[in-house]
N, C-alpha and C. Protein backbone atom coordinates (compact mmCIF):
# COMPACT_ATOMS: atom_id res chain seq x y z
N ASP A 1 0.82 20.28 -22.43
CA ASP A 1 1.89 19.33 -22.11
C ASP A 1 3.08 20.08 -21.53
N ALA A 2 3.75 19.48 -20.53
CA ALA A 2 4.87 20.15 -19.88
C ALA A 2 5.83 19.13 -19.28
N PHE A 3 7.03 19.62 -18.95
CA PHE A 3 8.04 18.80 -18.30
C PHE A 3 8.47 19.46 -17.00
N ALA A 4 8.99 18.62 -16.07
CA ALA A 4 9.63 19.10 -14.85
C ALA A 4 10.87 18.26 -14.65
N ALA A 5 11.98 18.90 -14.27
CA ALA A 5 13.24 18.18 -14.09
C ALA A 5 13.96 18.67 -12.85
N LEU A 6 14.66 17.73 -12.19
CA LEU A 6 15.47 18.07 -11.02
C LEU A 6 16.82 18.60 -11.48
N THR A 7 17.33 19.61 -10.80
CA THR A 7 18.64 20.16 -11.12
C THR A 7 19.69 19.53 -10.21
N CYS A 8 20.95 19.72 -10.56
CA CYS A 8 22.04 19.19 -9.74
C CYS A 8 22.05 19.81 -8.35
N GLY A 9 21.51 21.02 -8.23
CA GLY A 9 21.47 21.69 -6.93
C GLY A 9 20.25 21.34 -6.10
N GLY A 10 19.45 20.37 -6.57
CA GLY A 10 18.31 19.93 -5.79
C GLY A 10 17.03 20.70 -6.05
N GLY A 11 17.05 21.63 -7.01
CA GLY A 11 15.85 22.38 -7.34
C GLY A 11 15.08 21.73 -8.49
N ILE A 12 14.06 22.43 -8.96
CA ILE A 12 13.22 21.92 -10.05
C ILE A 12 13.05 23.01 -11.09
N VAL A 13 13.21 22.64 -12.36
CA VAL A 13 12.92 23.56 -13.47
C VAL A 13 11.80 22.95 -14.30
N THR A 14 10.97 23.82 -14.89
CA THR A 14 9.83 23.36 -15.68
C THR A 14 9.78 24.10 -17.01
N TRP A 15 9.17 23.48 -18.01
CA TRP A 15 8.96 24.12 -19.30
C TRP A 15 7.84 23.40 -20.04
N GLY A 16 7.31 24.08 -21.03
CA GLY A 16 6.19 23.53 -21.79
C GLY A 16 4.96 24.40 -21.64
N ASP A 17 3.80 23.81 -21.83
CA ASP A 17 2.54 24.55 -21.73
C ASP A 17 2.38 25.09 -20.30
N ASP A 18 2.24 26.40 -20.20
CA ASP A 18 2.13 27.01 -18.87
C ASP A 18 0.98 26.42 -18.06
N ALA A 19 -0.15 26.22 -18.69
CA ALA A 19 -1.34 25.74 -17.98
C ALA A 19 -1.18 24.30 -17.51
N ASP A 20 -0.32 23.53 -18.15
CA ASP A 20 -0.13 22.13 -17.79
C ASP A 20 1.00 21.92 -16.79
N GLY A 21 1.67 23.02 -16.39
CA GLY A 21 2.74 22.90 -15.41
C GLY A 21 4.08 23.41 -15.90
N GLY A 22 4.12 23.94 -17.12
CA GLY A 22 5.37 24.45 -17.65
C GLY A 22 5.84 25.73 -16.99
N ASP A 23 4.91 26.43 -16.32
CA ASP A 23 5.27 27.67 -15.62
C ASP A 23 5.15 27.44 -14.12
N SER A 24 6.29 27.45 -13.42
CA SER A 24 6.31 27.30 -11.96
C SER A 24 6.99 28.49 -11.31
N SER A 25 7.01 29.62 -12.04
CA SER A 25 7.76 30.78 -11.58
C SER A 25 7.16 31.38 -10.30
N HIS A 26 5.93 31.07 -9.99
CA HIS A 26 5.29 31.61 -8.79
C HIS A 26 5.66 30.81 -7.54
N LEU A 27 6.42 29.74 -7.70
CA LEU A 27 6.80 28.88 -6.58
C LEU A 27 8.30 28.95 -6.34
N ASN A 28 8.70 28.70 -5.11
CA ASN A 28 10.13 28.63 -4.78
C ASN A 28 10.57 27.18 -4.87
N LEU A 29 11.05 26.80 -6.04
CA LEU A 29 11.48 25.42 -6.28
C LEU A 29 12.99 25.33 -6.46
N SER A 30 13.71 26.23 -5.81
CA SER A 30 15.16 26.28 -5.98
C SER A 30 15.88 25.20 -5.20
N GLY A 31 15.19 24.56 -4.24
CA GLY A 31 15.84 23.51 -3.47
C GLY A 31 16.76 24.07 -2.41
N ASP A 32 17.56 23.17 -1.82
CA ASP A 32 18.45 23.59 -0.73
C ASP A 32 19.92 23.57 -1.12
N GLY A 33 20.18 23.45 -2.44
CA GLY A 33 21.56 23.46 -2.89
C GLY A 33 22.22 22.10 -2.91
N THR A 34 21.50 21.06 -2.49
CA THR A 34 22.05 19.71 -2.54
C THR A 34 21.24 18.88 -3.52
N ALA A 35 21.86 17.82 -4.01
CA ALA A 35 21.20 16.99 -5.01
C ALA A 35 19.98 16.28 -4.47
N SER A 36 19.84 16.19 -3.15
CA SER A 36 18.70 15.49 -2.56
C SER A 36 17.66 16.47 -2.02
N GLY A 37 17.68 17.71 -2.52
CA GLY A 37 16.82 18.75 -1.97
C GLY A 37 15.33 18.51 -2.16
N MET A 38 14.89 18.22 -3.39
CA MET A 38 13.46 18.11 -3.66
C MET A 38 13.17 16.84 -4.46
N THR A 39 11.92 16.46 -4.42
CA THR A 39 11.44 15.33 -5.22
C THR A 39 10.21 15.81 -5.98
N VAL A 40 10.10 15.44 -7.25
CA VAL A 40 8.98 15.89 -8.07
C VAL A 40 8.21 14.69 -8.60
N TYR A 41 6.88 14.83 -8.67
CA TYR A 41 6.00 13.77 -9.15
C TYR A 41 5.09 14.34 -10.23
N SER A 42 4.76 13.50 -11.20
CA SER A 42 3.85 13.89 -12.27
C SER A 42 2.55 13.12 -12.14
N SER A 43 1.45 13.76 -12.57
CA SER A 43 0.18 13.05 -12.59
C SER A 43 0.24 11.83 -13.50
N GLY A 44 1.00 11.94 -14.58
CA GLY A 44 1.11 10.82 -15.51
C GLY A 44 -0.15 10.60 -16.32
N ASN A 45 -0.11 9.59 -17.18
CA ASN A 45 -1.27 9.23 -18.00
C ASN A 45 -1.85 10.45 -18.74
N ARG A 46 -0.97 11.36 -19.12
CA ARG A 46 -1.35 12.56 -19.86
C ARG A 46 -2.33 13.44 -19.10
N ILE A 47 -2.34 13.31 -17.77
CA ILE A 47 -3.13 14.22 -16.92
C ILE A 47 -2.19 15.32 -16.46
N PRO A 48 -2.46 16.58 -16.78
CA PRO A 48 -1.51 17.64 -16.45
C PRO A 48 -1.40 17.88 -14.95
N GLY A 49 -0.22 18.32 -14.52
CA GLY A 49 -0.01 18.68 -13.13
C GLY A 49 1.22 18.03 -12.54
N PHE A 50 1.87 18.75 -11.62
CA PHE A 50 3.05 18.25 -10.91
C PHE A 50 2.89 18.50 -9.42
N LEU A 51 3.57 17.68 -8.64
CA LEU A 51 3.63 17.85 -7.19
C LEU A 51 5.08 17.65 -6.78
N ALA A 52 5.53 18.45 -5.83
CA ALA A 52 6.91 18.33 -5.35
C ALA A 52 6.92 18.42 -3.83
N THR A 53 7.91 17.79 -3.23
CA THR A 53 8.13 17.89 -1.78
C THR A 53 9.59 18.22 -1.53
N ASP A 54 9.85 18.94 -0.44
CA ASP A 54 11.23 19.18 -0.05
C ASP A 54 11.56 18.39 1.21
N GLN A 55 12.77 18.51 1.68
CA GLN A 55 13.21 17.69 2.80
C GLN A 55 12.50 18.05 4.11
N ALA A 56 11.92 19.23 4.17
CA ALA A 56 11.20 19.64 5.37
C ALA A 56 9.76 19.13 5.37
N GLY A 57 9.35 18.48 4.26
CA GLY A 57 7.99 17.97 4.17
C GLY A 57 7.01 18.93 3.54
N THR A 58 7.51 20.10 3.09
CA THR A 58 6.64 21.08 2.44
C THR A 58 6.20 20.55 1.08
N ILE A 59 4.94 20.80 0.74
CA ILE A 59 4.37 20.32 -0.52
C ILE A 59 4.11 21.49 -1.45
N PHE A 60 4.42 21.30 -2.74
CA PHE A 60 4.15 22.29 -3.78
C PHE A 60 3.35 21.58 -4.88
N ALA A 61 2.39 22.27 -5.47
CA ALA A 61 1.63 21.68 -6.57
C ALA A 61 1.29 22.76 -7.58
N TRP A 62 1.29 22.40 -8.85
CA TRP A 62 1.00 23.35 -9.91
C TRP A 62 0.65 22.61 -11.18
N GLY A 63 0.00 23.31 -12.10
CA GLY A 63 -0.35 22.74 -13.39
C GLY A 63 -1.71 22.07 -13.39
N GLY A 64 -2.36 22.10 -14.54
CA GLY A 64 -3.68 21.50 -14.65
C GLY A 64 -4.76 22.45 -14.18
N ASP A 65 -5.93 21.93 -13.95
CA ASP A 65 -7.04 22.75 -13.49
C ASP A 65 -6.67 23.42 -12.16
N ALA A 66 -7.04 24.69 -12.01
CA ALA A 66 -6.65 25.44 -10.81
C ALA A 66 -7.17 24.79 -9.53
N SER A 67 -8.32 24.12 -9.60
CA SER A 67 -8.87 23.49 -8.39
C SER A 67 -8.05 22.28 -7.96
N LYS A 68 -7.23 21.75 -8.88
CA LYS A 68 -6.45 20.54 -8.56
C LYS A 68 -5.39 20.82 -7.51
N TYR A 69 -4.83 22.01 -7.52
CA TYR A 69 -3.77 22.31 -6.56
C TYR A 69 -4.22 23.34 -5.52
N ALA A 70 -5.53 23.52 -5.40
CA ALA A 70 -6.05 24.43 -4.38
C ALA A 70 -5.72 23.89 -2.98
N ASP A 71 -5.32 24.80 -2.12
CA ASP A 71 -5.06 24.47 -0.70
C ASP A 71 -3.90 23.50 -0.50
N TYR A 72 -3.00 23.36 -1.48
CA TYR A 72 -1.86 22.46 -1.28
C TYR A 72 -1.00 22.91 -0.12
N ASP A 73 -1.00 24.22 0.14
CA ASP A 73 -0.15 24.75 1.20
C ASP A 73 -0.69 24.45 2.60
N LEU A 74 -1.88 23.85 2.67
CA LEU A 74 -2.44 23.46 3.97
C LEU A 74 -2.04 22.04 4.35
N VAL A 75 -1.31 21.36 3.45
CA VAL A 75 -0.93 19.97 3.67
C VAL A 75 0.59 19.87 3.71
N SER A 76 1.11 19.06 4.60
CA SER A 76 2.56 18.83 4.64
C SER A 76 2.83 17.43 5.15
N VAL A 77 3.98 16.90 4.79
CA VAL A 77 4.37 15.56 5.24
C VAL A 77 4.83 15.66 6.69
N PRO A 78 4.27 14.88 7.60
CA PRO A 78 4.65 14.97 9.02
C PRO A 78 6.14 14.72 9.23
N GLN A 79 6.72 15.42 10.19
CA GLN A 79 8.12 15.21 10.53
C GLN A 79 8.33 13.75 10.94
N GLY A 80 9.42 13.17 10.46
CA GLY A 80 9.70 11.77 10.77
C GLY A 80 9.05 10.80 9.82
N ASP A 81 8.18 11.29 8.93
CA ASP A 81 7.55 10.44 7.94
C ASP A 81 8.11 10.78 6.57
N ALA A 82 7.73 10.04 5.55
CA ALA A 82 8.22 10.30 4.20
C ALA A 82 7.17 9.86 3.20
N VAL A 83 7.27 10.37 1.99
CA VAL A 83 6.30 10.04 0.94
C VAL A 83 6.60 8.67 0.37
N ARG A 84 5.57 7.83 0.28
CA ARG A 84 5.71 6.52 -0.38
C ARG A 84 5.13 6.55 -1.79
N THR A 85 3.91 7.06 -1.93
CA THR A 85 3.22 7.07 -3.22
C THR A 85 2.48 8.39 -3.39
N VAL A 86 2.51 8.93 -4.61
CA VAL A 86 1.74 10.13 -4.95
C VAL A 86 0.87 9.81 -6.15
N MET A 87 -0.42 10.16 -6.07
CA MET A 87 -1.33 9.97 -7.20
C MET A 87 -2.10 11.25 -7.46
N GLY A 88 -2.18 11.63 -8.72
CA GLY A 88 -2.93 12.82 -9.10
C GLY A 88 -3.95 12.47 -10.17
N ASN A 89 -5.25 12.62 -9.86
CA ASN A 89 -6.24 12.43 -10.91
C ASN A 89 -6.46 13.76 -11.62
N LYS A 90 -7.56 13.93 -12.31
CA LYS A 90 -7.71 15.15 -13.11
C LYS A 90 -7.90 16.40 -12.27
N TYR A 91 -8.42 16.23 -11.04
CA TYR A 91 -8.73 17.42 -10.25
C TYR A 91 -8.25 17.38 -8.80
N ALA A 92 -7.52 16.36 -8.39
CA ALA A 92 -7.11 16.27 -6.98
C ALA A 92 -5.85 15.41 -6.85
N TRP A 93 -5.23 15.53 -5.67
CA TRP A 93 -4.03 14.74 -5.34
C TRP A 93 -4.26 13.93 -4.08
N ALA A 94 -3.59 12.79 -4.00
CA ALA A 94 -3.57 11.96 -2.78
C ALA A 94 -2.14 11.51 -2.56
N ILE A 95 -1.68 11.63 -1.32
CA ILE A 95 -0.31 11.28 -0.95
C ILE A 95 -0.36 10.21 0.13
N LEU A 96 0.32 9.09 -0.11
CA LEU A 96 0.44 8.02 0.88
C LEU A 96 1.83 8.08 1.47
N THR A 97 1.92 8.18 2.79
CA THR A 97 3.22 8.26 3.45
C THR A 97 3.71 6.87 3.86
N GLU A 98 4.99 6.80 4.16
CA GLU A 98 5.56 5.54 4.63
C GLU A 98 4.91 5.08 5.94
N GLY A 99 4.38 6.03 6.70
CA GLY A 99 3.71 5.69 7.94
C GLY A 99 2.29 5.19 7.76
N GLY A 100 1.82 5.10 6.49
CA GLY A 100 0.49 4.55 6.22
C GLY A 100 -0.63 5.56 6.29
N ARG A 101 -0.32 6.83 6.15
CA ARG A 101 -1.33 7.89 6.21
C ARG A 101 -1.57 8.45 4.81
N VAL A 102 -2.85 8.75 4.50
CA VAL A 102 -3.19 9.37 3.23
C VAL A 102 -3.60 10.82 3.47
N MET A 103 -3.02 11.73 2.69
CA MET A 103 -3.37 13.14 2.74
C MET A 103 -3.88 13.56 1.37
N THR A 104 -4.90 14.41 1.33
CA THR A 104 -5.51 14.80 0.06
C THR A 104 -5.67 16.31 -0.02
N PHE A 105 -5.73 16.82 -1.24
CA PHE A 105 -6.09 18.21 -1.47
C PHE A 105 -6.50 18.34 -2.94
N GLY A 106 -7.14 19.47 -3.25
CA GLY A 106 -7.63 19.70 -4.60
C GLY A 106 -9.14 19.83 -4.60
N ASN A 107 -9.75 19.55 -5.74
CA ASN A 107 -11.21 19.66 -5.87
C ASN A 107 -11.90 18.67 -4.94
N ALA A 108 -12.73 19.20 -4.05
CA ALA A 108 -13.35 18.38 -3.01
C ALA A 108 -14.21 17.26 -3.58
N ASP A 109 -14.94 17.52 -4.65
CA ASP A 109 -15.87 16.53 -5.20
C ASP A 109 -15.17 15.40 -5.94
N ASN A 110 -13.89 15.57 -6.24
CA ASN A 110 -13.17 14.57 -7.03
C ASN A 110 -12.00 13.94 -6.28
N GLY A 111 -12.07 13.98 -4.96
CA GLY A 111 -11.06 13.29 -4.15
C GLY A 111 -10.18 14.20 -3.32
N GLY A 112 -10.30 15.52 -3.50
CA GLY A 112 -9.49 16.43 -2.72
C GLY A 112 -9.92 16.50 -1.26
N ASP A 113 -11.16 16.11 -1.02
CA ASP A 113 -11.70 16.03 0.34
C ASP A 113 -12.10 14.59 0.59
N CYS A 114 -11.47 13.95 1.59
CA CYS A 114 -11.76 12.54 1.84
C CYS A 114 -13.06 12.33 2.62
N GLY A 115 -13.70 13.42 3.03
CA GLY A 115 -15.04 13.34 3.61
C GLY A 115 -15.17 12.38 4.77
N THR A 116 -16.17 11.49 4.66
CA THR A 116 -16.50 10.59 5.77
C THR A 116 -15.47 9.50 5.99
N VAL A 117 -14.52 9.31 5.06
CA VAL A 117 -13.54 8.24 5.24
C VAL A 117 -12.21 8.77 5.77
N CYS A 118 -12.12 10.07 6.07
CA CYS A 118 -10.85 10.64 6.54
C CYS A 118 -10.30 9.88 7.74
N GLY A 119 -11.18 9.52 8.66
CA GLY A 119 -10.73 8.81 9.86
C GLY A 119 -10.22 7.41 9.58
N GLN A 120 -10.59 6.87 8.41
CA GLN A 120 -10.16 5.51 8.06
C GLN A 120 -8.86 5.49 7.28
N ILE A 121 -8.41 6.65 6.81
CA ILE A 121 -7.20 6.67 5.98
C ILE A 121 -6.08 7.49 6.61
N ASP A 122 -6.25 7.89 7.88
CA ASP A 122 -5.18 8.66 8.51
C ASP A 122 -4.09 7.78 9.12
N SER A 123 -4.26 6.46 9.00
CA SER A 123 -3.22 5.51 9.43
C SER A 123 -3.59 4.13 8.90
N GLY A 124 -2.60 3.25 8.84
CA GLY A 124 -2.86 1.86 8.49
C GLY A 124 -3.19 1.59 7.04
N ILE A 125 -2.74 2.45 6.11
CA ILE A 125 -3.03 2.24 4.69
C ILE A 125 -1.84 1.55 4.02
N GLY A 126 -2.16 0.54 3.22
CA GLY A 126 -1.11 -0.21 2.53
C GLY A 126 -0.94 0.14 1.07
N ASN A 127 -2.07 0.41 0.37
CA ASN A 127 -2.02 0.68 -1.06
C ASN A 127 -3.08 1.70 -1.45
N MET A 128 -2.87 2.34 -2.60
CA MET A 128 -3.84 3.29 -3.16
C MET A 128 -4.04 3.01 -4.64
N ALA A 129 -5.19 3.47 -5.13
CA ALA A 129 -5.47 3.42 -6.56
C ALA A 129 -6.34 4.62 -6.90
N MET A 130 -6.52 4.88 -8.18
CA MET A 130 -7.33 6.04 -8.56
C MET A 130 -8.02 5.83 -9.89
N THR A 131 -9.09 6.60 -10.12
CA THR A 131 -9.69 6.78 -11.43
C THR A 131 -9.47 8.25 -11.79
N ASP A 132 -10.10 8.72 -12.86
CA ASP A 132 -9.92 10.12 -13.24
C ASP A 132 -10.49 11.09 -12.21
N PHE A 133 -11.47 10.62 -11.40
CA PHE A 133 -12.16 11.54 -10.50
C PHE A 133 -12.35 10.99 -9.09
N ALA A 134 -11.64 9.96 -8.71
CA ALA A 134 -11.81 9.36 -7.37
C ALA A 134 -10.55 8.60 -6.97
N PHE A 135 -10.49 8.28 -5.67
CA PHE A 135 -9.39 7.50 -5.12
C PHE A 135 -9.94 6.35 -4.29
N ALA A 136 -9.14 5.32 -4.14
CA ALA A 136 -9.47 4.20 -3.25
C ALA A 136 -8.20 3.79 -2.52
N ALA A 137 -8.37 3.29 -1.30
CA ALA A 137 -7.23 2.86 -0.51
C ALA A 137 -7.55 1.55 0.18
N GLN A 138 -6.56 0.69 0.30
CA GLN A 138 -6.72 -0.57 1.01
C GLN A 138 -5.95 -0.49 2.32
N ARG A 139 -6.67 -0.71 3.41
CA ARG A 139 -6.05 -0.69 4.73
C ARG A 139 -5.28 -1.98 4.97
N LEU A 140 -4.41 -1.96 5.97
CA LEU A 140 -3.64 -3.16 6.30
C LEU A 140 -4.54 -4.26 6.85
N ASP A 141 -5.74 -3.89 7.34
CA ASP A 141 -6.69 -4.91 7.78
C ASP A 141 -7.56 -5.40 6.62
N GLU A 142 -7.20 -5.00 5.39
CA GLU A 142 -7.80 -5.44 4.13
C GLU A 142 -9.12 -4.76 3.80
N VAL A 143 -9.59 -3.84 4.63
CA VAL A 143 -10.78 -3.07 4.30
C VAL A 143 -10.44 -2.08 3.18
N VAL A 144 -11.32 -1.93 2.20
CA VAL A 144 -11.13 -0.98 1.10
C VAL A 144 -12.10 0.19 1.28
N VAL A 145 -11.58 1.40 1.19
CA VAL A 145 -12.41 2.60 1.28
C VAL A 145 -12.16 3.46 0.05
N ALA A 146 -13.15 4.28 -0.33
CA ALA A 146 -13.01 5.12 -1.52
C ALA A 146 -13.67 6.47 -1.27
N TRP A 147 -13.24 7.47 -2.04
CA TRP A 147 -13.80 8.80 -1.92
C TRP A 147 -13.60 9.53 -3.23
N GLY A 148 -14.40 10.57 -3.45
CA GLY A 148 -14.36 11.30 -4.71
C GLY A 148 -15.71 11.25 -5.39
N SER A 149 -15.72 11.35 -6.70
CA SER A 149 -16.96 11.34 -7.46
C SER A 149 -17.69 10.00 -7.33
N ASP A 150 -18.96 10.05 -6.91
CA ASP A 150 -19.73 8.81 -6.73
C ASP A 150 -19.80 8.00 -8.01
N ASN A 151 -19.94 8.66 -9.14
CA ASN A 151 -20.12 7.96 -10.42
C ASN A 151 -18.82 7.43 -11.01
N ASP A 152 -17.71 7.71 -10.35
CA ASP A 152 -16.41 7.30 -10.89
C ASP A 152 -15.61 6.48 -9.88
N GLY A 153 -16.31 5.81 -8.97
CA GLY A 153 -15.64 4.92 -8.03
C GLY A 153 -15.48 5.46 -6.63
N GLY A 154 -15.99 6.66 -6.37
CA GLY A 154 -15.81 7.25 -5.06
C GLY A 154 -16.81 6.82 -4.00
N ASN A 155 -17.79 6.00 -4.39
CA ASN A 155 -18.81 5.54 -3.45
C ASN A 155 -18.88 4.02 -3.50
N THR A 156 -18.62 3.36 -2.37
CA THR A 156 -18.61 1.89 -2.34
C THR A 156 -19.84 1.30 -1.67
N ALA A 157 -20.87 2.12 -1.44
CA ALA A 157 -22.04 1.67 -0.67
C ALA A 157 -22.64 0.38 -1.22
N ALA A 158 -22.68 0.22 -2.54
CA ALA A 158 -23.33 -0.95 -3.13
C ALA A 158 -22.52 -2.23 -2.96
N VAL A 159 -21.24 -2.10 -2.62
CA VAL A 159 -20.39 -3.30 -2.52
C VAL A 159 -19.63 -3.37 -1.21
N ASP A 160 -20.02 -2.56 -0.23
CA ASP A 160 -19.28 -2.54 1.03
C ASP A 160 -19.17 -3.92 1.67
N GLN A 161 -20.19 -4.74 1.52
CA GLN A 161 -20.15 -6.06 2.16
C GLN A 161 -19.05 -6.95 1.60
N TYR A 162 -18.57 -6.61 0.41
CA TYR A 162 -17.51 -7.41 -0.19
C TYR A 162 -16.11 -6.80 0.00
N LEU A 163 -16.04 -5.65 0.63
CA LEU A 163 -14.77 -4.93 0.75
C LEU A 163 -14.22 -4.94 2.16
N SER A 164 -14.66 -5.90 2.97
CA SER A 164 -14.12 -6.04 4.32
C SER A 164 -13.63 -7.47 4.50
N PRO A 165 -12.75 -7.70 5.45
CA PRO A 165 -12.12 -9.02 5.58
C PRO A 165 -13.03 -10.06 6.23
N PHE A 166 -14.16 -10.35 5.57
CA PHE A 166 -15.07 -11.38 6.04
C PHE A 166 -15.22 -12.44 4.96
N THR A 167 -15.72 -13.59 5.34
CA THR A 167 -16.14 -14.58 4.35
C THR A 167 -17.66 -14.46 4.23
N TYR A 168 -18.23 -14.94 3.12
CA TYR A 168 -19.64 -14.73 2.87
C TYR A 168 -20.34 -16.04 2.54
N SER A 169 -21.53 -16.16 3.12
CA SER A 169 -22.34 -17.35 2.87
C SER A 169 -23.03 -17.19 1.54
N PRO A 170 -23.62 -18.26 0.98
CA PRO A 170 -24.32 -18.14 -0.30
C PRO A 170 -25.46 -17.13 -0.27
N THR A 171 -26.02 -16.81 0.92
CA THR A 171 -27.11 -15.85 1.01
C THR A 171 -26.60 -14.42 0.99
N GLY A 172 -25.28 -14.25 1.05
CA GLY A 172 -24.72 -12.91 0.98
C GLY A 172 -24.53 -12.25 2.32
N HIS A 173 -24.84 -12.94 3.41
CA HIS A 173 -24.66 -12.35 4.72
C HIS A 173 -23.23 -12.58 5.20
N PRO A 174 -22.60 -11.54 5.70
CA PRO A 174 -21.21 -11.71 6.15
C PRO A 174 -21.11 -12.57 7.39
N THR A 175 -20.10 -13.37 7.42
CA THR A 175 -19.83 -14.18 8.60
C THR A 175 -18.37 -14.01 8.96
N VAL A 176 -18.12 -13.89 10.24
CA VAL A 176 -16.74 -13.73 10.69
C VAL A 176 -16.01 -15.05 10.51
N PRO A 177 -14.85 -15.06 9.87
CA PRO A 177 -14.13 -16.32 9.69
C PRO A 177 -13.77 -16.93 11.03
N PRO A 178 -13.86 -18.25 11.12
CA PRO A 178 -13.55 -18.90 12.39
C PRO A 178 -12.11 -18.67 12.80
N THR A 179 -11.92 -18.55 14.10
CA THR A 179 -10.57 -18.38 14.62
C THR A 179 -9.97 -19.75 14.89
N PRO A 180 -8.89 -20.08 14.25
CA PRO A 180 -8.31 -21.41 14.47
C PRO A 180 -7.81 -21.57 15.90
N GLY A 181 -8.10 -22.74 16.47
CA GLY A 181 -7.63 -23.02 17.83
C GLY A 181 -6.17 -23.43 17.81
N PRO A 182 -5.61 -23.55 19.00
CA PRO A 182 -4.20 -23.95 19.05
C PRO A 182 -4.00 -25.35 18.51
N THR A 183 -2.94 -25.52 17.83
CA THR A 183 -2.63 -26.84 17.25
C THR A 183 -1.69 -27.58 18.19
N VAL A 184 -2.16 -28.74 18.61
CA VAL A 184 -1.34 -29.57 19.51
C VAL A 184 -0.47 -30.46 18.66
N PRO A 185 0.83 -30.40 18.82
CA PRO A 185 1.69 -31.26 17.99
C PRO A 185 1.43 -32.72 18.31
N PRO A 186 1.44 -33.55 17.29
CA PRO A 186 1.18 -34.98 17.54
C PRO A 186 2.25 -35.59 18.44
N THR A 187 1.79 -36.46 19.32
CA THR A 187 2.71 -37.15 20.23
C THR A 187 3.04 -38.51 19.65
N ASP A 188 4.30 -38.76 19.49
CA ASP A 188 4.70 -40.07 18.96
C ASP A 188 4.50 -41.13 20.04
N ALA A 189 3.73 -42.16 19.70
CA ALA A 189 3.53 -43.24 20.65
C ALA A 189 4.82 -44.05 20.79
N PRO A 190 5.12 -44.48 22.01
CA PRO A 190 6.36 -45.26 22.18
C PRO A 190 6.29 -46.56 21.42
N THR A 191 7.36 -46.89 20.81
CA THR A 191 7.42 -48.13 20.03
C THR A 191 8.23 -49.16 20.81
N ALA A 192 7.57 -50.30 21.04
CA ALA A 192 8.26 -51.35 21.81
C ALA A 192 9.38 -51.95 20.98
N SER A 193 10.51 -52.12 21.64
CA SER A 193 11.64 -52.73 20.94
C SER A 193 11.36 -54.22 20.76
N PRO A 194 11.64 -54.75 19.63
CA PRO A 194 11.38 -56.20 19.43
C PRO A 194 12.23 -57.04 20.38
N THR A 195 11.62 -58.07 20.94
CA THR A 195 12.33 -58.99 21.85
C THR A 195 12.85 -60.17 21.06
N ALA A 196 14.13 -60.37 21.18
CA ALA A 196 14.72 -61.50 20.42
C ALA A 196 14.34 -62.81 21.07
N SER A 197 13.84 -63.73 20.28
CA SER A 197 13.51 -65.05 20.81
C SER A 197 14.78 -65.86 20.97
N PRO A 198 14.89 -66.59 22.12
CA PRO A 198 16.12 -67.40 22.31
C PRO A 198 16.23 -68.49 21.27
N THR A 199 17.39 -68.69 20.80
CA THR A 199 17.62 -69.74 19.79
C THR A 199 18.45 -70.84 20.43
N ALA A 200 17.92 -72.08 20.38
CA ALA A 200 18.63 -73.22 20.99
C ALA A 200 19.87 -73.55 20.19
N SER A 201 20.94 -73.74 20.91
CA SER A 201 22.18 -74.12 20.23
C SER A 201 22.05 -75.55 19.75
N PRO A 202 22.56 -75.86 18.59
CA PRO A 202 22.44 -77.25 18.08
C PRO A 202 23.23 -78.21 18.96
N THR A 203 22.62 -79.38 19.21
CA THR A 203 23.27 -80.42 20.03
C THR A 203 24.04 -81.37 19.14
N ALA A 204 25.34 -81.55 19.46
CA ALA A 204 26.16 -82.45 18.62
C ALA A 204 25.79 -83.90 18.88
N THR A 205 25.64 -84.69 17.82
CA THR A 205 25.30 -86.11 17.93
C THR A 205 26.62 -86.91 18.06
N PRO A 206 26.74 -87.71 19.17
CA PRO A 206 27.98 -88.49 19.35
C PRO A 206 28.19 -89.49 18.22
N THR A 207 29.42 -89.65 17.79
CA THR A 207 29.73 -90.62 16.71
C THR A 207 30.45 -91.84 17.32
N ALA A 208 29.91 -93.04 17.05
CA ALA A 208 30.53 -94.29 17.62
C ALA A 208 31.83 -94.59 16.91
N ARG A 209 32.84 -95.03 17.70
CA ARG A 209 34.13 -95.41 17.15
C ARG A 209 34.02 -96.81 16.56
N PRO A 210 34.67 -97.09 15.48
CA PRO A 210 34.65 -98.47 14.91
C PRO A 210 35.44 -99.43 15.81
N SER A 211 34.93 -100.66 15.94
CA SER A 211 35.63 -101.69 16.76
C SER A 211 36.81 -102.25 15.99
N ALA A 212 37.88 -102.48 16.74
CA ALA A 212 39.06 -103.03 16.11
C ALA A 212 38.83 -104.47 15.74
């Protein structure tokens, strides 16, 4: 178990179990001297490990199994982009940027290598989720892709037909949803104004004068 905290100067200090991330002395986490220098993330859920980014997009990772933070120095946040979500399972990390790109590193078999889905998660990603040994991402077109350990959610082959934006017939065959045609606004039919019927004026009946 370990802690990581941001300092007033924008750096990071750590303490606790060295193997869980309490020892970060091998990294330069001093920050840039400003309060907004670095950002630190924890794996959470009692999974050891920390990840940090600086304003230049450089990524640092430490703690937990050594394979979890392997090759972290080969990944960086692209200039002009920023981190939206960070997730760390037991052996790998996945970072979702504001631009909709997912970057991974760590143990290849547990999500550190996105394998055949890399081309599907390099843009257009809206959300991420994880298990202890795999990751999944939902694209903005609603397609769901996963990678990591096959037995822990990293393989969607058995349910791929249900993870794309199609509707399905009772036989299970995908059908493309119909494209709605243009809607023509209803035209109000002209309403004839009522015609007033002429009303005859009453005729006065002459009254005879009495004879003297």
